[in-house]
Amino acid sequence: MATHVTLDKNGAVYTIAFSEDVERHPCTLDWDVLAELERCIAEVRDSQECRVVIVESRSPKSFVVGANLAVLKTQDETNIGDWVKNGHRIFNQLQHLPQPVIAKVAKSALGGGLELAMACDFIIAGENARFGHPEAGLGVMPGWGGSYRLRMLVGPARAKEMIFTAQPIDAATACAWGLVNRVYKEEELDGAVEALAAQMVQNDGGVLAFCKDIINQDSQEGMQRNAFQEATTSAVCMASPSTKRRLEAFFERRAKK
């Protein structure tokens, strides 16, 4: 089986990298990819050397754009809950790593990809990056903490705008709204993230871990409640005739491409 998530080690800085192949373009998420991500997270958590984590994509076209089409075709009201809970469980593991975790987003982070980025401590973006929750257009729910984490970052009104319109926002807007910490020109992004990671490595790892845990404390109860709400509402949506029509139309459009 091909590997689509790798853990690269450069001294104290580890990089979780998503890749693509001819059958998986751009980067998407399925059960196997999530399992690979979970293995990388476990290795980071157990490492004595890792001080900072970078999450990135090796795709020239996207960060991660959500669930794989083949997975969407297998989901209905009877099994969507397991898919939602599994993603929540793994993304929460990422959020609760003791090391600082930087999402480096050069291109599109949509749906589950945006949820992955928001599970990191913060996002550093390239100027061509775009961020969005397009799920409502398909009649499905943001399933991996998007409705909760997005509100925490940009506030309720802007979270509603992004989810209700299903339209992406550009990097400059994402930065102004608080979704993204910093935006760089595409050719400067790698160096900027490396410099930021190097600054963190110089500081006491124990202090960073304690501070991260304290800052994250208020979100733990909310995330547990959100996981239950997204799983149950996802099942309701998948049983809806409107969702079935929207997904069928989406699959037909994709098949013609």
C-alpha atoms as a PDB file:
ATOM      1  CA  MET A   1       0.000   0.000   0.000  1.00  0.00           C
ATOM      2  CA  ALA A   2       1.311   3.431  -0.894  1.00  0.00           C
ATOM      3  CA  THR A   3       2.199   5.811   1.899  1.00  0.00           C
ATOM      4  CA  HIS A   4       0.500   9.200   1.814  1.00  0.00           C
ATOM      5  CA  VAL A   5       1.604  10.634   5.162  1.00  0.00           C
ATOM      6  CA  THR A   6       5.278  10.704   6.135  1.00  0.00           C
ATOM      7  CA  LEU A   7       7.181  11.938   9.168  1.00  0.00           C
ATOM      8  CA  ASP A   8      10.401  13.722   8.215  1.00  0.00           C
ATOM      9  CA  LYS A   9      12.953  14.536  10.923  1.00  0.00           C
ATOM     10  CA  ASN A  10      15.349  17.472  10.799  1.00  0.00           C
ATOM     11  CA  GLY A  11      16.976  17.714  14.197  1.00  0.00           C
ATOM     12  CA  ALA A  12      14.369  18.876  16.710  1.00  0.00           C
ATOM     13  CA  VAL A  13      11.869  19.840  13.993  1.00  0.00           C
ATOM     14  CA  TYR A  14       9.623  17.064  12.664  1.00  0.00           C
ATOM     15  CA  THR A  15       7.410  17.489   9.592  1.00  0.00           C
ATOM     16  CA  ILE A  16       4.176  15.569   8.993  1.00  0.00           C
ATOM     17  CA  ALA A  17       3.821  15.712   5.212  1.00  0.00           C
ATOM     18  CA  PHE A  18       0.835  14.734   3.060  1.00  0.00           C
ATOM     19  CA  SER A  19       1.593  13.548  -0.463  1.00  0.00           C
ATOM     20  CA  GLU A  20      -0.419  12.567  -3.512  1.00  0.00           C
ATOM     21  CA  ASP A  21      -0.302  10.126  -6.409  1.00  0.00           C
ATOM     22  CA  VAL A  22      -2.077   9.796  -9.739  1.00  0.00           C
ATOM     23  CA  GLU A  23      -5.104   8.294  -8.001  1.00  0.00           C
ATOM     24  CA  ARG A  24      -5.195  10.817  -5.159  1.00  0.00           C
ATOM     25  CA  HIS A  25      -5.003  14.310  -6.612  1.00  0.00           C
ATOM     26  CA  PRO A  26      -5.129  16.650  -4.798  1.00  0.00           C
ATOM     27  CA  CYS A  27      -4.443  15.518  -1.214  1.00  0.00           C
ATOM     28  CA  THR A  28      -7.533  14.008   0.393  1.00  0.00           C
ATOM     29  CA  LEU A  29      -8.402  12.041   3.528  1.00  0.00           C
ATOM     30  CA  ASP A  30      -9.666   8.483   3.848  1.00  0.00           C
ATOM     31  CA  TRP A  31      -9.447   5.745   6.484  1.00  0.00           C
ATOM     32  CA  ASP A  32      -5.922   4.725   5.457  1.00  0.00           C
ATOM     33  CA  VAL A  33      -4.588   8.290   5.357  1.00  0.00           C
ATOM     34  CA  LEU A  34      -6.070   9.023   8.782  1.00  0.00           C
ATOM     35  CA  ALA A  35      -4.449   5.851  10.144  1.00  0.00           C
ATOM     36  CA  GLU A  36      -1.088   6.967   8.726  1.00  0.00           C
ATOM     37  CA  LEU A  37      -1.562  10.385  10.321  1.00  0.00           C
ATOM     38  CA  GLU A  38      -2.328   8.763  13.658  1.00  0.00           C
ATOM     39  CA  ARG A  39       0.873   6.703  13.488  1.00  0.00           C
ATOM     40  CA  CYS A  40       2.895   9.860  12.814  1.00  0.00           C
ATOM     41  CA  ILE A  41       1.237  11.631  15.735  1.00  0.00           C
ATOM     42  CA  ALA A  42       2.070   8.718  18.040  1.00  0.00           C
ATOM     43  CA  GLU A  43       5.722   8.784  16.971  1.00  0.00           C
ATOM     44  CA  VAL A  44       5.906  12.517  17.631  1.00  0.00           C
ATOM     45  CA  ARG A  45       4.250  12.116  21.029  1.00  0.00           C
ATOM     46  CA  ASP A  46       6.745   9.414  22.042  1.00  0.00           C
ATOM     47  CA  SER A  47       9.809  11.268  20.748  1.00  0.00           C
ATOM     48  CA  GLN A  48      12.398  12.699  23.135  1.00  0.00           C
ATOM     49  CA  GLU A  49      14.019  14.732  20.343  1.00  0.00           C
ATOM     50  CA  CYS A  50      11.063  16.453  18.683  1.00  0.00           C
ATOM     51  CA  ARG A  51      10.490  20.033  19.841  1.00  0.00           C
ATOM     52  CA  VAL A  52       8.353  21.498  17.039  1.00  0.00           C
ATOM     53  CA  VAL A  53       6.038  19.922  14.451  1.00  0.00           C
ATOM     54  CA  ILE A  54       5.183  21.282  10.995  1.00  0.00           C
ATOM     55  CA  VAL A  55       2.148  19.914   9.120  1.00  0.00           C
ATOM     56  CA  GLU A  56       2.304  20.478   5.370  1.00  0.00           C
ATOM     57  CA  SER A  57       1.343  19.122   1.964  1.00  0.00           C
ATOM     58  CA  ARG A  58       3.691  18.116  -0.831  1.00  0.00           C
ATOM     59  CA  SER A  59       0.980  18.776  -3.402  1.00  0.00           C
ATOM     60  CA  PRO A  60       1.597  21.755  -5.727  1.00  0.00           C
ATOM     61  CA  LYS A  61      -2.155  22.405  -5.855  1.00  0.00           C
ATOM     62  CA  SER A  62      -3.499  22.055  -2.320  1.00  0.00           C
ATOM     63  CA  PHE A  63      -2.910  21.570   1.375  1.00  0.00           C
ATOM     64  CA  VAL A  64      -5.702  19.041   1.987  1.00  0.00           C
ATOM     65  CA  VAL A  65      -9.144  19.435   0.424  1.00  0.00           C
ATOM     66  CA  GLY A  66     -11.212  17.130   2.631  1.00  0.00           C
ATOM     67  CA  ALA A  67     -12.556  13.616   2.389  1.00  0.00           C
ATOM     68  CA  ASN A  68     -11.665  11.332  -0.496  1.00  0.00           C
ATOM     69  CA  LEU A  69     -14.432  10.908  -3.071  1.00  0.00           C
ATOM     70  CA  ALA A  70     -14.423   7.132  -2.638  1.00  0.00           C
ATOM     71  CA  VAL A  71     -15.136   7.541   1.087  1.00  0.00           C
ATOM     72  CA  LEU A  72     -18.000   9.962   0.505  1.00  0.00           C
ATOM     73  CA  LYS A  73     -19.678   7.417  -1.768  1.00  0.00           C
ATOM     74  CA  THR A  74     -19.720   4.832   1.041  1.00  0.00           C
ATOM     75  CA  GLN A  75     -21.203   7.089   3.730  1.00  0.00           C
ATOM     76  CA  ASP A  76     -24.839   7.119   4.791  1.00  0.00           C
ATOM     77  CA  GLU A  77     -26.823   7.702   7.963  1.00  0.00           C
ATOM     78  CA  THR A  78     -25.837   4.264   9.333  1.00  0.00           C
ATOM     79  CA  ASN A  79     -22.053   4.699   9.249  1.00  0.00           C
ATOM     80  CA  ILE A  80     -21.288   8.428   9.075  1.00  0.00           C
ATOM     81  CA  GLY A  81     -21.017   8.588  12.865  1.00  0.00           C
ATOM     82  CA  ASP A  82     -17.998   6.271  12.894  1.00  0.00           C
ATOM     83  CA  TRP A  83     -16.267   8.394  10.231  1.00  0.00           C
ATOM     84  CA  VAL A  84     -16.906  11.597  12.174  1.00  0.00           C
ATOM     85  CA  LYS A  85     -15.801  10.171  15.526  1.00  0.00           C
ATOM     86  CA  ASN A  86     -12.621   8.712  14.036  1.00  0.00           C
ATOM     87  CA  GLY A  87     -11.580  12.038  12.545  1.00  0.00           C
ATOM     88  CA  HIS A  88     -12.358  13.845  15.793  1.00  0.00           C
ATOM     89  CA  ARG A  89     -10.288  11.361  17.777  1.00  0.00           C
ATOM     90  CA  ILE A  90      -7.207  11.731  15.554  1.00  0.00           C
ATOM     91  CA  PHE A  91      -7.422  15.512  15.139  1.00  0.00           C
ATOM     92  CA  ASN A  92      -7.770  15.871  18.915  1.00  0.00           C
ATOM     93  CA  GLN A  93      -4.591  13.819  19.316  1.00  0.00           C
ATOM     94  CA  LEU A  94      -2.848  16.302  17.035  1.00  0.00           C
ATOM     95  CA  GLN A  95      -4.197  19.255  19.003  1.00  0.00           C
ATOM     96  CA  HIS A  96      -3.060  17.758  22.302  1.00  0.00           C
ATOM     97  CA  LEU A  97       0.537  17.032  21.308  1.00  0.00           C
ATOM     98  CA  PRO A  98       2.851  18.699  23.860  1.00  0.00           C
ATOM     99  CA  GLN A  99       5.001  20.206  21.094  1.00  0.00           C
ATOM    100  CA  PRO A 100       4.002  23.348  19.171  1.00  0.00           C
ATOM    101  CA  VAL A 101       2.359  22.355  15.875  1.00  0.00           C
ATOM    102  CA  ILE A 102       2.456  24.720  12.885  1.00  0.00           C
ATOM    103  CA  ALA A 103       0.174  24.241   9.876  1.00  0.00           C
ATOM    104  CA  LYS A 104       1.978  25.462   6.748  1.00  0.00           C
ATOM    105  CA  VAL A 105      -0.717  26.081   4.137  1.00  0.00           C
ATOM    106  CA  ALA A 106       0.475  27.151   0.700  1.00  0.00           C
ATOM    107  CA  LYS A 107      -2.701  26.389  -1.271  1.00  0.00           C
ATOM    108  CA  SER A 108      -6.309  25.332  -0.600  1.00  0.00           C
ATOM    109  CA  ALA A 109      -7.398  24.022   2.796  1.00  0.00           C
ATOM    110  CA  LEU A 110     -11.047  23.055   2.454  1.00  0.00           C
ATOM    111  CA  GLY A 111     -13.466  21.071   4.590  1.00  0.00           C
ATOM    112  CA  GLY A 112     -11.540  18.388   6.424  1.00  0.00           C
ATOM    113  CA  GLY A 113      -8.305  20.017   5.308  1.00  0.00           C
ATOM    114  CA  LEU A 114      -9.227  23.239   7.078  1.00  0.00           C
ATOM    115  CA  GLU A 115     -10.246  21.220  10.126  1.00  0.00           C
ATOM    116  CA  LEU A 116      -6.821  19.556  10.068  1.00  0.00           C
ATOM    117  CA  ALA A 117      -5.090  22.939   9.896  1.00  0.00           C
ATOM    118  CA  MET A 118      -7.214  24.331  12.734  1.00  0.00           C
ATOM    119  CA  ALA A 119      -6.274  21.348  14.934  1.00  0.00           C
ATOM    120  CA  CYS A 120      -2.702  22.683  14.800  1.00  0.00           C
ATOM    121  CA  ASP A 121      -1.648  25.471  17.156  1.00  0.00           C
ATOM    122  CA  PHE A 122      -1.746  28.048  14.385  1.00  0.00           C
ATOM    123  CA  ILE A 123      -1.637  28.451  10.617  1.00  0.00           C
ATOM    124  CA  ILE A 124       1.055  30.153   8.535  1.00  0.00           C
ATOM    125  CA  ALA A 125      -0.154  30.695   4.978  1.00  0.00           C
ATOM    126  CA  GLY A 126       1.138  31.474   1.540  1.00  0.00           C
ATOM    127  CA  GLU A 127      -0.441  34.423  -0.241  1.00  0.00           C
ATOM    128  CA  ASN A 128      -2.268  32.092  -2.665  1.00  0.00           C
ATOM    129  CA  ALA A 129      -3.865  29.966   0.058  1.00  0.00           C
ATOM    130  CA  ARG A 130      -7.630  29.707   0.348  1.00  0.00           C
ATOM    131  CA  PHE A 131      -9.728  28.470   3.255  1.00  0.00           C
ATOM    132  CA  GLY A 132     -13.297  27.257   3.280  1.00  0.00           C
ATOM    133  CA  HIS A 133     -16.045  25.008   4.564  1.00  0.00           C
ATOM    134  CA  PRO A 134     -17.982  23.950   1.448  1.00  0.00           C
ATOM    135  CA  GLU A 135     -19.971  21.191   3.195  1.00  0.00           C
ATOM    136  CA  ALA A 136     -23.356  22.932   3.188  1.00  0.00           C
ATOM    137  CA  GLY A 137     -23.323  22.961  -0.601  1.00  0.00           C
ATOM    138  CA  LEU A 138     -23.237  19.154  -0.501  1.00  0.00           C
ATOM    139  CA  GLY A 139     -25.794  18.888   2.283  1.00  0.00           C
ATOM    140  CA  VAL A 140     -23.286  17.472   4.778  1.00  0.00           C
ATOM    141  CA  MET A 141     -21.878  18.715   8.073  1.00  0.00           C
ATOM    142  CA  PRO A 142     -18.398  19.922   8.924  1.00  0.00           C
ATOM    143  CA  GLY A 143     -17.464  16.672  10.632  1.00  0.00           C
ATOM    144  CA  TRP A 144     -14.132  17.024  12.398  1.00  0.00           C
ATOM    145  CA  GLY A 145     -14.475  19.991  14.702  1.00  0.00           C
ATOM    146  CA  GLY A 146     -14.882  22.660  12.044  1.00  0.00           C
ATOM    147  CA  SER A 147     -18.023  24.229  13.470  1.00  0.00           C
ATOM    148  CA  TYR A 148     -16.358  24.547  16.894  1.00  0.00           C
ATOM    149  CA  ARG A 149     -12.747  25.434  16.069  1.00  0.00           C
ATOM    150  CA  LEU A 150     -13.736  27.936  13.392  1.00  0.00           C
ATOM    151  CA  ARG A 151     -15.944  29.832  15.849  1.00  0.00           C
ATOM    152  CA  MET A 152     -13.133  29.861  18.408  1.00  0.00           C
ATOM    153  CA  LEU A 153     -10.738  31.408  15.882  1.00  0.00           C
ATOM    154  CA  VAL A 154     -12.822  33.890  13.889  1.00  0.00           C
ATOM    155  CA  GLY A 155     -15.853  34.456  16.111  1.00  0.00           C
ATOM    156  CA  PRO A 156     -19.461  33.318  15.632  1.00  0.00           C
ATOM    157  CA  ALA A 157     -20.551  35.812  12.952  1.00  0.00           C
ATOM    158  CA  ARG A 158     -17.630  35.136  10.606  1.00  0.00           C
ATOM    159  CA  ALA A 159     -17.848  31.392  11.219  1.00  0.00           C
ATOM    160  CA  LYS A 160     -21.498  31.548  10.201  1.00  0.00           C
ATOM    161  CA  GLU A 161     -20.635  33.515   7.065  1.00  0.00           C
ATOM    162  CA  MET A 162     -18.031  30.962   5.953  1.00  0.00           C
ATOM    163  CA  ILE A 163     -20.258  27.956   6.648  1.00  0.00           C
ATOM    164  CA  PHE A 164     -23.539  29.488   5.437  1.00  0.00           C
ATOM    165  CA  THR A 165     -22.104  30.711   2.104  1.00  0.00           C
ATOM    166  CA  ALA A 166     -19.841  27.649   1.579  1.00  0.00           C
ATOM    167  CA  GLN A 167     -17.445  30.035  -0.161  1.00  0.00           C
ATOM    168  CA  PRO A 168     -13.674  30.113   0.488  1.00  0.00           C
ATOM    169  CA  ILE A 169     -11.806  33.175   1.707  1.00  0.00           C
ATOM    170  CA  ASP A 170      -8.327  34.212   0.617  1.00  0.00           C
ATOM    171  CA  ALA A 171      -5.237  34.264   2.824  1.00  0.00           C
ATOM    172  CA  ALA A 172      -5.345  38.000   3.469  1.00  0.00           C
ATOM    173  CA  THR A 173      -8.939  37.800   4.677  1.00  0.00           C
ATOM    174  CA  ALA A 174      -8.158  34.708   6.773  1.00  0.00           C
ATOM    175  CA  CYS A 175      -5.321  36.616   8.452  1.00  0.00           C
ATOM    176  CA  ALA A 176      -7.467  39.687   9.094  1.00  0.00           C
ATOM    177  CA  TRP A 177     -10.163  37.470  10.639  1.00  0.00           C
ATOM    178  CA  GLY A 178      -7.754  35.612  12.932  1.00  0.00           C
ATOM    179  CA  LEU A 179      -7.889  32.240  11.199  1.00  0.00           C
ATOM    180  CA  VAL A 180      -4.281  32.599  10.019  1.00  0.00           C
ATOM    181  CA  ASN A 181      -1.383  34.051  12.036  1.00  0.00           C
ATOM    182  CA  ARG A 182       0.834  35.269   9.185  1.00  0.00           C
ATOM    183  CA  VAL A 183       0.846  35.384   5.373  1.00  0.00           C
ATOM    184  CA  TYR A 184       3.971  35.250   3.191  1.00  0.00           C
ATOM    185  CA  LYS A 185       4.755  35.315  -0.492  1.00  0.00           C
ATOM    186  CA  GLU A 186       4.867  31.808  -1.893  1.00  0.00           C
ATOM    187  CA  GLU A 187       8.642  31.835  -2.350  1.00  0.00           C
ATOM    188  CA  GLU A 188       9.144  33.051   1.241  1.00  0.00           C
ATOM    189  CA  LEU A 189       6.805  30.628   3.010  1.00  0.00           C
ATOM    190  CA  ASP A 190       9.206  27.727   3.610  1.00  0.00           C
ATOM    191  CA  GLY A 191      11.935  29.952   5.019  1.00  0.00           C
ATOM    192  CA  ALA A 192       9.508  31.849   7.234  1.00  0.00           C
ATOM    193  CA  VAL A 193       8.113  28.667   8.786  1.00  0.00           C
ATOM    194  CA  GLU A 194      11.599  27.255   9.298  1.00  0.00           C
ATOM    195  CA  ALA A 195      12.689  30.461  11.035  1.00  0.00           C
ATOM    196  CA  LEU A 196       9.619  30.416  13.262  1.00  0.00           C
ATOM    197  CA  ALA A 197      10.244  26.790  14.226  1.00  0.00           C
ATOM    198  CA  ALA A 198      13.895  27.597  14.985  1.00  0.00           C
ATOM    199  CA  GLN A 199      12.809  30.360  17.367  1.00  0.00           C
ATOM    200  CA  MET A 200      10.580  27.900  19.244  1.00  0.00           C
ATOM    201  CA  VAL A 201      13.301  25.257  19.484  1.00  0.00           C
ATOM    202  CA  GLN A 202      15.460  27.739  21.401  1.00  0.00           C
ATOM    203  CA  ASN A 203      12.890  28.002  24.189  1.00  0.00           C
ATOM    204  CA  ASP A 204      12.222  25.586  27.048  1.00  0.00           C
ATOM    205  CA  GLY A 205      10.096  22.714  25.762  1.00  0.00           C
ATOM    206  CA  GLY A 206       8.553  22.036  29.162  1.00  0.00           C
ATOM    207  CA  VAL A 207       7.370  25.614  29.518  1.00  0.00           C
ATOM    208  CA  LEU A 208       5.855  25.541  26.023  1.00  0.00           C
ATOM    209  CA  ALA A 209       4.056  22.268  26.786  1.00  0.00           C
ATOM    210  CA  PHE A 210       2.634  23.590  30.078  1.00  0.00           C
ATOM    211  CA  CYS A 211       1.494  26.852  28.472  1.00  0.00           C
ATOM    212  CA  LYS A 212      -0.072  25.013  25.533  1.00  0.00           C
ATOM    213  CA  ASP A 213      -2.013  22.759  27.903  1.00  0.00           C
ATOM    214  CA  ILE A 214      -3.314  25.723  29.926  1.00  0.00           C
ATOM    215  CA  ILE A 215      -4.313  27.686  26.815  1.00  0.00           C
ATOM    216  CA  ASN A 216      -6.128  24.629  25.413  1.00  0.00           C
ATOM    217  CA  GLN A 217      -7.969  23.728  28.639  1.00  0.00           C
ATOM    218  CA  ASP A 218     -11.181  25.586  27.892  1.00  0.00           C
ATOM    219  CA  SER A 219     -11.535  23.831  24.542  1.00  0.00           C
ATOM    220  CA  GLN A 220     -11.467  20.218  25.772  1.00  0.00           C
ATOM    221  CA  GLU A 221     -15.036  20.046  27.085  1.00  0.00           C
ATOM    222  CA  GLY A 222     -16.303  21.959  24.071  1.00  0.00           C
ATOM    223  CA  MET A 223     -14.602  19.585  21.642  1.00  0.00           C
ATOM    224  CA  GLN A 224     -16.154  16.544  23.326  1.00  0.00           C
ATOM    225  CA  ARG A 225     -19.601  18.098  23.022  1.00  0.00           C
ATOM    226  CA  ASN A 226     -18.896  19.130  19.431  1.00  0.00           C
ATOM    227  CA  ALA A 227     -17.850  15.599  18.461  1.00  0.00           C
ATOM    228  CA  PHE A 228     -21.198  14.243  19.642  1.00  0.00           C
ATOM    229  CA  GLN A 229     -23.172  17.025  17.952  1.00  0.00           C
ATOM    230  CA  GLU A 230     -21.377  16.694  14.607  1.00  0.00           C
ATOM    231  CA  ALA A 231     -21.787  12.895  14.615  1.00  0.00           C
ATOM    232  CA  THR A 232     -25.514  12.988  15.361  1.00  0.00           C
ATOM    233  CA  THR A 233     -26.330  15.850  12.999  1.00  0.00           C
ATOM    234  CA  SER A 234     -24.247  14.211  10.262  1.00  0.00           C
ATOM    235  CA  ALA A 235     -26.458  11.134  10.477  1.00  0.00           C
ATOM    236  CA  VAL A 236     -29.572  13.285  10.189  1.00  0.00           C
ATOM    237  CA  CYS A 237     -28.173  15.101   7.162  1.00  0.00           C
ATOM    238  CA  MET A 238     -27.121  11.896   5.378  1.00  0.00           C
ATOM    239  CA  ALA A 239     -30.702  10.611   5.649  1.00  0.00           C
ATOM    240  CA  SER A 240     -32.073  13.785   4.034  1.00  0.00           C
ATOM    241  CA  PRO A 241     -33.382  13.617   0.447  1.00  0.00           C
ATOM    242  CA  SER A 242     -31.757  16.999  -0.188  1.00  0.00           C
ATOM    243  CA  THR A 243     -28.334  15.655   0.795  1.00  0.00           C
ATOM    244  CA  LYS A 244     -28.780  12.547  -1.332  1.00  0.00           C
ATOM    245  CA  ARG A 245     -29.626  14.722  -4.364  1.00  0.00           C
ATOM    246  CA  ARG A 246     -26.718  17.071  -3.747  1.00  0.00           C
ATOM    247  CA  LEU A 247     -24.197  14.266  -3.351  1.00  0.00           C
ATOM    248  CA  GLU A 248     -25.442  12.462  -6.450  1.00  0.00           C
ATOM    249  CA  ALA A 249     -25.096  15.653  -8.478  1.00  0.00           C
ATOM    250  CA  PHE A 250     -21.610  16.193  -7.054  1.00  0.00           C
ATOM    251  CA  PHE A 251     -20.496  12.672  -7.929  1.00  0.00           C
ATOM    252  CA  GLU A 252     -21.848  13.110 -11.477  1.00  0.00           C
ATOM    253  CA  ARG A 253     -19.953  16.381 -11.936  1.00  0.00           C
ATOM    254  CA  ARG A 254     -16.735  14.806 -10.680  1.00  0.00           C
ATOM    255  CA  ALA A 255     -17.160  11.785 -12.954  1.00  0.00           C
ATOM    256  CA  LYS A 256     -17.321  14.079 -16.002  1.00  0.00           C
ATOM    257  CA  LYS A 257     -14.001  15.770 -15.176  1.00  0.00           C
END
